[in-house]
Amino acid sequence: QLGKLLIECSTVFLIYFSSQICAIAHVTAKKMPHEDAEGRKGSVPNIHDPPTRELSVVVPSYNEEDRLPLMMDEALDYLEKRQKQDPSFTYEVIVVNDGSKDQTAKVAKEYCKKYGSDKVRVLSLEKNRGKGGAVRTGVFSSRGKKILMADADGATKFADIEKVEEGLKNLQPWPKEMAISCGSRAHLEKDSIAKRSYFRTLLMYGFHFLVWFLCVKEIRDTQCGFKLLTREAALQTFSNLHIERWAFDVELLYIAQRLKIPIAEVAVNWTEIEGSKLVPFWSWLQMGRDLLFIRLRYMTGAWKLEAKKCN
């Protein structure tokens, strides 16, 4: 009798606790910050307008004065050579300075002077909003038919864009012109585990499990910062995005799955670069919280998906 009573009490407690978590997730949910997408129409480039470039590269940058030059040199060297081989290929690189306290903006503007402001643009946010917020700002100001997210550290070889482009191509025909191709480091996981501590490996597996259990089941590596989207896929996903920090990639792919956007996962070359802004324990804790709230807020209707239309 006592055991049965304990089980019943535990069940009631779990139901009560779960309902409280759902209520907290619903009440604390923030509305979409539409001002990014809607507030800059006119002469400023906007994701709602027809594309005028083949490719837009969005580079979120926070205190990246040391690592950004290597990435930009590699990317622009590749893009310039590709344009010489194919004059019809047009591009732009958008560096989003995410409230940096160092000389990131100054470094980026040197590339504007060298290549011209039509090819390299710098968008500066007064306050740090997080990687997701910075990427969204760049995406909403992009002019490309395809939009590539690329990290400022240059951990992924830029020439691997051809691999993610092939992944995107293999998804054709694209439903409603929407498709996403994700660079992936999953094939490197065994080697990386050998170099990590047991604690970091445990955190990594815990995060992967939560991503799989709560949000995204079909993509092994959601966090690689090398993702290529068609313009329509970028419009629909980023217009619905809420998370602005590390877990934004997971919500992006969760939204894509809910919208039935086809997603390819493509192995890319990747090298760990010193200077990561991710703090192992606290960043993972924040991401774990965000993953839970992503699922609960969509499940309770606090966050809803809205279809957007291009001009």
Foldseek 3Di string as FASTA:
>chain_A
DVVVVVVVVVVVVVVVVVVVVLVCLLVPDDDFPCCLQPVDDDPFAFLLAAADAAEEEEEEDAQCLPQQVVQVVQQVVVQVVVCVVPVNHGYAYEYEYQQHPDCPVVSQVVVCVVVNCVRYPYHYDNHHQAQQVRRLSRLGRHRHQKYKFDYSNCQFRNVCVVQQVVQQVVPPPWVVSWAKEAEDPVVVVVVVVVVDDPVLVVLVVVLQVLLCVQADPPENDQQHRTMMIGSQLSVQQSSQFDDRHRLSSRSSVRSCVVVVGYYHYGYTRGDDDPDDPQDRPVNSVVNSVVSVSSRSCVVVVSGDGDRDHRD
